[in-house]
Amino acid sequence: MTQRVTFSLLFAALLTACGVASQSAPDLPEAVSPGWKRNAITAAADVPGSAPNTKCWTTQYTGPGTADVSVCRYKMEASAFDAVQRTPIAAQTVKFQENNFLVVLKWNGAPKASLTALIRALQKSLNSK
């Protein structure tokens, strides 16, 4: 019986280390000053620059414009860094890595100061993981 418990604990630790246990959506802020409000976070099948078998989510922030946010979680920071390098450059789009996350934010009609506040809030929420 002791061997079974030991094996179960080792197996759980292995799953956690491999990233299997961390497949829940990231905890992005629901509201960000000045006036950003987050819609529901949904699973995404295809995010530019993301690798196959990577878990990604999308959401939209509305407020002083709109911002479509895609977030992909990687098992390692190096993989997220590589994904940032592979993600194509596009107009009105910001891409960045925060820990083991790739973030792609595409905005429309938002002033620079408001975007900066949103990006900093996203970085802070993903950095607390």
Protein backbone atom coordinates (compact mmCIF):
# COMPACT_ATOMS: atom_id res chain seq x y z
CA MET A 1 0.00 0.00 0.00
CA THR A 2 2.86 2.39 0.78
CA GLN A 3 4.40 1.80 -2.65
CA ARG A 4 1.10 2.69 -4.32
CA VAL A 5 0.88 5.99 -2.41
CA THR A 6 4.51 6.80 -3.21
CA PHE A 7 3.95 6.05 -6.91
CA SER A 8 0.81 8.22 -6.96
CA LEU A 9 2.66 11.15 -5.42
CA LEU A 10 5.56 10.78 -7.86
CA PHE A 11 3.16 10.57 -10.80
CA ALA A 12 1.33 13.72 -9.67
CA ALA A 13 4.64 15.57 -9.31
CA LEU A 14 5.67 14.46 -12.80
CA LEU A 15 2.39 15.66 -14.32
CA THR A 16 2.76 19.02 -12.62
CA ALA A 17 6.36 19.40 -13.81
CA CYS A 18 5.33 18.59 -17.38
CA GLY A 19 2.61 21.22 -17.33
CA VAL A 20 -0.30 18.82 -17.61
CA ALA A 21 -1.90 20.01 -14.37
CA SER A 22 -1.71 23.70 -15.36
CA GLN A 23 -4.18 23.72 -18.26
CA SER A 24 -6.66 26.16 -16.74
CA ALA A 25 -7.11 29.60 -18.27
CA PRO A 26 -4.77 32.31 -17.00
CA ASP A 27 -6.16 34.67 -14.38
CA LEU A 28 -6.37 37.87 -16.44
CA PRO A 29 -7.75 41.02 -14.79
CA GLU A 30 -11.50 41.56 -15.21
CA ALA A 31 -11.17 45.34 -15.21
CA VAL A 32 -8.28 47.72 -15.77
CA SER A 33 -8.29 51.47 -15.29
CA PRO A 34 -9.13 53.61 -17.32
CA GLY A 35 -12.31 51.75 -18.22
CA TRP A 36 -11.19 48.39 -19.69
CA LYS A 37 -13.63 45.51 -19.08
CA ARG A 38 -12.82 41.89 -19.95
CA ASN A 39 -15.24 39.57 -21.73
CA ALA A 40 -15.24 35.82 -21.18
CA ILE A 41 -12.00 33.89 -21.74
CA THR A 42 -12.41 31.11 -24.29
CA ALA A 43 -10.11 28.35 -25.50
CA ALA A 44 -8.43 29.15 -28.82
CA ALA A 45 -7.45 26.64 -31.46
CA ASP A 46 -5.12 28.78 -33.57
CA VAL A 47 -3.03 31.70 -32.36
CA PRO A 48 -0.34 33.08 -34.72
CA GLY A 49 3.11 31.98 -33.56
CA SER A 50 1.86 29.32 -31.17
CA ALA A 51 3.27 25.83 -31.40
CA PRO A 52 1.14 22.73 -31.93
CA ASN A 53 -0.25 21.17 -28.73
CA THR A 54 0.02 24.49 -26.88
CA LYS A 55 -2.91 25.62 -24.76
CA CYS A 56 -4.17 29.06 -25.82
CA TRP A 57 -7.04 31.33 -24.81
CA THR A 58 -8.59 34.50 -26.21
CA THR A 59 -10.59 37.33 -24.73
CA GLN A 60 -11.58 40.85 -25.63
CA TYR A 61 -11.29 43.98 -23.55
CA THR A 62 -13.65 46.86 -24.29
CA GLY A 63 -13.44 50.39 -22.99
CA PRO A 64 -11.50 53.23 -24.57
CA GLY A 65 -11.43 51.14 -27.77
CA THR A 66 -11.16 47.38 -28.14
CA ALA A 67 -8.29 44.99 -27.51
CA ASP A 68 -8.32 41.35 -28.61
CA VAL A 69 -5.95 39.39 -26.38
CA SER A 70 -4.56 35.92 -27.09
CA VAL A 71 -2.55 34.13 -24.41
CA CYS A 72 -0.66 30.84 -24.87
CA ARG A 73 0.93 28.87 -22.04
CA TYR A 74 4.17 26.99 -22.73
CA LYS A 75 5.92 24.44 -20.56
CA MET A 76 9.14 26.45 -20.54
CA GLU A 77 10.06 30.14 -20.79
CA ALA A 78 12.46 29.36 -23.65
CA SER A 79 9.57 27.98 -25.70
CA ALA A 80 7.51 31.11 -25.08
CA PHE A 81 10.49 33.26 -26.09
CA ASP A 82 10.84 31.26 -29.31
CA ALA A 83 7.12 31.71 -30.02
CA VAL A 84 7.44 35.50 -29.66
CA GLN A 85 10.22 35.42 -32.24
CA ARG A 86 8.08 33.37 -34.67
CA THR A 87 4.91 35.44 -34.25
CA PRO A 88 4.46 37.69 -37.29
CA ILE A 89 4.51 41.46 -36.92
CA ALA A 90 1.17 43.14 -37.67
CA ALA A 91 -0.26 46.65 -37.55
CA GLN A 92 -1.83 47.72 -34.25
CA THR A 93 -0.51 44.58 -32.57
CA VAL A 94 1.78 44.06 -29.59
CA LYS A 95 3.39 40.71 -28.81
CA PHE A 96 5.36 39.89 -25.69
CA GLN A 97 6.49 37.08 -23.43
CA GLU A 98 5.79 37.01 -19.71
CA ASN A 99 7.31 33.99 -17.94
CA ASN A 100 6.06 30.97 -19.89
CA PHE A 101 3.25 32.89 -21.64
CA LEU A 102 3.06 34.34 -25.15
CA VAL A 103 0.67 37.30 -25.35
CA VAL A 104 -0.60 38.84 -28.59
CA LEU A 105 -2.73 41.97 -28.22
CA LYS A 106 -4.44 43.57 -31.22
CA TRP A 107 -6.15 46.90 -30.57
CA ASN A 108 -8.53 49.21 -32.37
CA GLY A 109 -9.29 52.82 -31.50
CA ALA A 110 -7.52 52.87 -28.16
CA PRO A 111 -5.24 55.71 -27.01
CA LYS A 112 -1.60 54.87 -26.21
CA ALA A 113 -1.91 55.62 -22.48
CA SER A 114 -4.89 53.26 -22.12
CA LEU A 115 -3.08 50.50 -24.02
CA THR A 116 -0.02 50.92 -21.84
CA ALA A 117 -2.14 50.51 -18.70
CA LEU A 118 -3.77 47.35 -20.11
CA ILE A 119 -0.45 45.81 -21.14
CA ARG A 120 1.09 46.49 -17.72
CA ALA A 121 -1.91 44.93 -15.99
CA LEU A 122 -1.63 41.82 -18.18
CA GLN A 123 2.09 41.55 -17.48
CA LYS A 124 1.50 41.88 -13.75
CA SER A 125 -1.24 39.22 -13.69
CA LEU A 126 0.87 36.73 -15.71
CA ASN A 127 4.01 37.50 -13.72
CA SER A 128 2.31 36.49 -10.47
CA LYS A 129 2.18 32.85 -11.60
